[in-house]
Amino acid sequence: MGGVPQPALRGASPPSRPTTPICAPSVPAVLAAIGGLGLFGLSAAIGAPSPQVIAAISTIPVAGLVGAMVLTGPALVAGHLFLRPNVATETPVAALGQGLTAAGSVALGIAPAALFLVATTGLWPLVLVAGFAAVGLSCAGVTLQMLRRATGDSPGFVVGWAALAALVALRVAVAVGQTALEVL
């Protein structure tokens, strides 16, 4: 029709942005990550005053991180579904999986240092908190990086999701810690 611009059709999808697919981690990789989180928790809690407290405290990294991902993951998926309709639904799920496996690797890597510090200083609560923060930051950082690479633009609301996930992780970790300390 010559040089006359055509009106946009209602209901048409927004122009697509280039995206890079994210590979979801394998089930053994996720299980190894959860094992790494558990090993770090056990290494950090080994200095606790009783075996019951050691058992309860050692679950804090797993409960805090996995709990935050389970409780806030649907918000991340729904946000992408509505705010970035051209991004596949499995993209944020795969990014969460990659973040979890990275966190498990970091936890597995710092477990020997945590065990050494707890055995030589007895500061198990400080070691647990510092290690949990490092593991959580690595999870959030990898998830944000994967989502940015996959969507091709700035993370936007994903930063808000990361803040929400951090608050939920802290709340779950504190609740598990309080329950463990009630055993004393």
Protein backbone atom coordinates (compact mmCIF):
# COMPACT_ATOMS: atom_id res chain seq x y z
CA MET A 1 0.00 0.00 0.00
CA GLY A 2 2.72 2.40 -0.85
CA GLY A 3 4.12 4.62 1.87
CA VAL A 4 1.03 4.56 4.12
CA PRO A 5 1.83 2.93 7.47
CA GLN A 6 -0.51 0.13 8.52
CA PRO A 7 -2.14 0.32 11.95
CA ALA A 8 -0.93 -2.20 14.49
CA LEU A 9 -3.18 -5.16 15.02
CA ARG A 10 -4.68 -5.50 18.46
CA GLY A 11 -3.48 -8.53 20.34
CA ALA A 12 -0.29 -8.75 18.31
CA SER A 13 2.72 -9.89 20.28
CA PRO A 14 5.43 -7.34 21.04
CA PRO A 15 8.52 -7.34 18.86
CA SER A 16 10.83 -10.14 19.90
CA ARG A 17 14.24 -9.55 21.40
CA PRO A 18 17.12 -11.90 20.81
CA THR A 19 17.30 -14.51 23.52
CA THR A 20 19.82 -17.16 24.44
CA PRO A 21 18.33 -20.38 25.77
CA ILE A 22 19.37 -21.59 29.20
CA CYS A 23 20.00 -25.26 29.75
CA ALA A 24 18.33 -26.59 32.86
CA PRO A 25 20.68 -28.48 35.18
CA SER A 26 20.35 -32.23 35.39
CA VAL A 27 18.70 -33.94 38.33
CA PRO A 28 22.04 -35.31 39.62
CA ALA A 29 23.49 -31.78 39.49
CA VAL A 30 20.58 -30.41 41.54
CA LEU A 31 20.87 -33.27 44.04
CA ALA A 32 24.63 -32.66 44.31
CA ALA A 33 23.92 -28.96 44.95
CA ILE A 34 21.50 -29.83 47.74
CA GLY A 35 24.11 -32.22 49.12
CA GLY A 36 26.72 -29.45 49.03
CA LEU A 37 24.37 -27.16 50.94
CA GLY A 38 23.78 -29.90 53.51
CA LEU A 39 27.50 -30.60 53.87
CA PHE A 40 28.22 -26.92 54.41
CA GLY A 41 25.44 -26.74 57.02
CA LEU A 42 26.83 -29.78 58.81
CA SER A 43 30.38 -28.39 58.67
CA ALA A 44 29.27 -25.05 60.11
CA ALA A 45 27.03 -26.57 62.80
CA ILE A 46 29.51 -29.15 64.06
CA GLY A 47 30.48 -26.80 66.89
CA ALA A 48 26.92 -26.55 68.24
CA PRO A 49 26.42 -27.61 71.85
CA SER A 50 24.41 -30.83 71.31
CA PRO A 51 23.80 -33.43 68.61
CA GLN A 52 20.14 -32.43 68.30
CA VAL A 53 21.12 -28.82 67.65
CA ILE A 54 23.79 -29.92 65.16
CA ALA A 55 21.17 -31.91 63.24
CA ALA A 56 18.71 -29.02 63.20
CA ILE A 57 21.22 -26.27 62.45
CA SER A 58 22.77 -28.23 59.59
CA THR A 59 19.49 -27.95 57.65
CA ILE A 60 19.51 -24.14 57.63
CA PRO A 61 21.31 -23.68 54.27
CA VAL A 62 19.11 -26.22 52.50
CA ALA A 63 15.87 -25.00 54.09
CA GLY A 64 16.70 -21.33 53.63
CA LEU A 65 17.87 -21.40 50.03
CA VAL A 66 15.62 -24.09 48.61
CA GLY A 67 12.68 -22.74 50.62
CA ALA A 68 13.21 -19.25 49.21
CA MET A 69 13.41 -20.62 45.69
CA VAL A 70 10.24 -22.67 46.11
CA LEU A 71 8.32 -19.80 47.70
CA THR A 72 9.46 -17.02 45.36
CA GLY A 73 10.15 -18.93 42.14
CA PRO A 74 6.51 -18.75 40.98
CA ALA A 75 6.64 -14.95 41.25
CA LEU A 76 9.70 -14.91 39.00
CA VAL A 77 8.01 -17.16 36.43
CA ALA A 78 4.76 -15.17 36.55
CA GLY A 79 6.64 -11.90 36.21
CA HIS A 80 8.39 -13.14 33.10
CA LEU A 81 5.13 -14.52 31.75
CA PHE A 82 3.39 -11.15 31.97
CA LEU A 83 6.24 -8.66 31.54
CA ARG A 84 8.26 -10.55 28.95
CA PRO A 85 5.82 -12.69 26.98
CA ASN A 86 8.39 -13.50 24.30
CA VAL A 87 10.61 -15.31 26.83
CA ALA A 88 9.82 -19.00 27.24
CA THR A 89 8.32 -20.00 30.58
CA GLU A 90 11.05 -22.53 31.21
CA THR A 91 13.75 -19.83 30.99
CA PRO A 92 13.34 -18.49 34.56
CA VAL A 93 12.97 -22.04 35.89
CA ALA A 94 16.23 -23.06 34.21
CA ALA A 95 17.91 -19.91 35.56
CA LEU A 96 16.77 -20.82 39.08
CA GLY A 97 18.18 -24.30 38.61
CA GLN A 98 21.50 -22.90 37.43
CA GLY A 99 21.56 -20.57 40.45
CA LEU A 100 20.89 -23.48 42.80
CA THR A 101 23.66 -25.59 41.30
CA ALA A 102 26.09 -22.67 41.56
CA ALA A 103 25.12 -22.14 45.19
CA GLY A 104 25.64 -25.84 45.91
CA SER A 105 29.08 -25.71 44.32
CA VAL A 106 30.03 -22.68 46.42
CA ALA A 107 28.69 -24.38 49.55
CA LEU A 108 30.66 -27.53 48.80
CA GLY A 109 33.77 -25.43 48.23
CA ILE A 110 33.53 -23.51 51.49
CA ALA A 111 32.55 -26.52 53.63
CA PRO A 112 36.17 -27.45 54.46
CA ALA A 113 36.98 -23.86 55.44
CA ALA A 114 33.83 -23.73 57.55
CA LEU A 115 34.79 -26.96 59.31
CA PHE A 116 38.30 -25.64 59.97
CA LEU A 117 37.03 -22.31 61.34
CA VAL A 118 34.42 -23.97 63.54
CA ALA A 119 36.94 -26.49 64.89
CA THR A 120 39.60 -23.88 65.65
CA THR A 121 37.51 -20.92 66.79
CA GLY A 122 34.16 -22.27 67.94
CA LEU A 123 32.34 -19.42 66.21
CA TRP A 124 29.86 -21.68 64.45
CA PRO A 125 27.00 -19.13 64.32
CA LEU A 126 29.20 -16.54 62.60
CA VAL A 127 30.60 -19.10 60.16
CA LEU A 128 27.08 -20.31 59.37
CA VAL A 129 25.76 -16.80 58.74
CA ALA A 130 28.74 -15.71 56.62
CA GLY A 131 28.67 -18.90 54.57
CA PHE A 132 24.90 -18.73 54.11
CA ALA A 133 25.25 -15.15 52.85
CA ALA A 134 27.98 -16.15 50.38
CA VAL A 135 25.92 -19.07 49.11
CA GLY A 136 22.79 -16.94 48.75
CA LEU A 137 24.65 -14.20 46.90
CA SER A 138 26.14 -16.71 44.50
CA CYS A 139 22.70 -18.15 43.80
CA ALA A 140 21.18 -14.73 43.16
CA GLY A 141 24.13 -13.59 41.06
CA VAL A 142 24.08 -16.61 38.76
CA THR A 143 20.29 -16.48 38.42
CA LEU A 144 20.41 -12.77 37.50
CA GLN A 145 23.27 -13.32 35.06
CA MET A 146 21.46 -16.22 33.36
CA LEU A 147 18.24 -14.25 33.04
CA ARG A 148 20.05 -11.24 31.66
CA ARG A 149 21.82 -13.38 29.09
CA ALA A 150 18.58 -15.15 28.15
CA THR A 151 16.37 -12.07 27.83
CA GLY A 152 18.92 -9.72 26.34
CA ASP A 153 17.94 -6.76 28.52
CA SER A 154 18.37 -5.42 32.03
CA PRO A 155 16.95 -7.54 34.83
CA GLY A 156 14.40 -4.93 35.94
CA PHE A 157 11.90 -6.60 38.23
CA VAL A 158 14.27 -9.56 38.71
CA VAL A 159 16.30 -7.44 41.13
CA GLY A 160 13.10 -6.96 43.16
CA TRP A 161 12.56 -10.72 43.06
CA ALA A 162 16.13 -11.27 44.31
CA ALA A 163 15.49 -8.93 47.25
CA LEU A 164 12.25 -10.77 48.04
CA ALA A 165 14.02 -14.13 47.80
CA ALA A 166 16.76 -12.89 50.16
CA LEU A 167 14.19 -11.79 52.74
CA VAL A 168 12.33 -15.09 52.48
CA ALA A 169 15.60 -17.05 52.78
CA LEU A 170 16.52 -15.11 55.91
CA ARG A 171 13.08 -15.62 57.42
CA VAL A 172 13.12 -19.37 56.77
CA ALA A 173 16.69 -19.65 58.08
CA VAL A 174 15.82 -17.73 61.25
CA ALA A 175 12.72 -19.88 61.81
CA VAL A 176 14.74 -23.08 61.44
CA GLY A 177 17.46 -21.68 63.69
CA GLN A 178 14.97 -20.68 66.39
CA THR A 179 13.42 -24.12 66.30
CA ALA A 180 16.85 -25.70 66.62
CA LEU A 181 17.83 -23.50 69.54
CA GLU A 182 14.59 -24.32 71.37
CA VAL A 183 15.95 -27.86 71.71
CA LEU A 184 18.60 -26.51 74.09
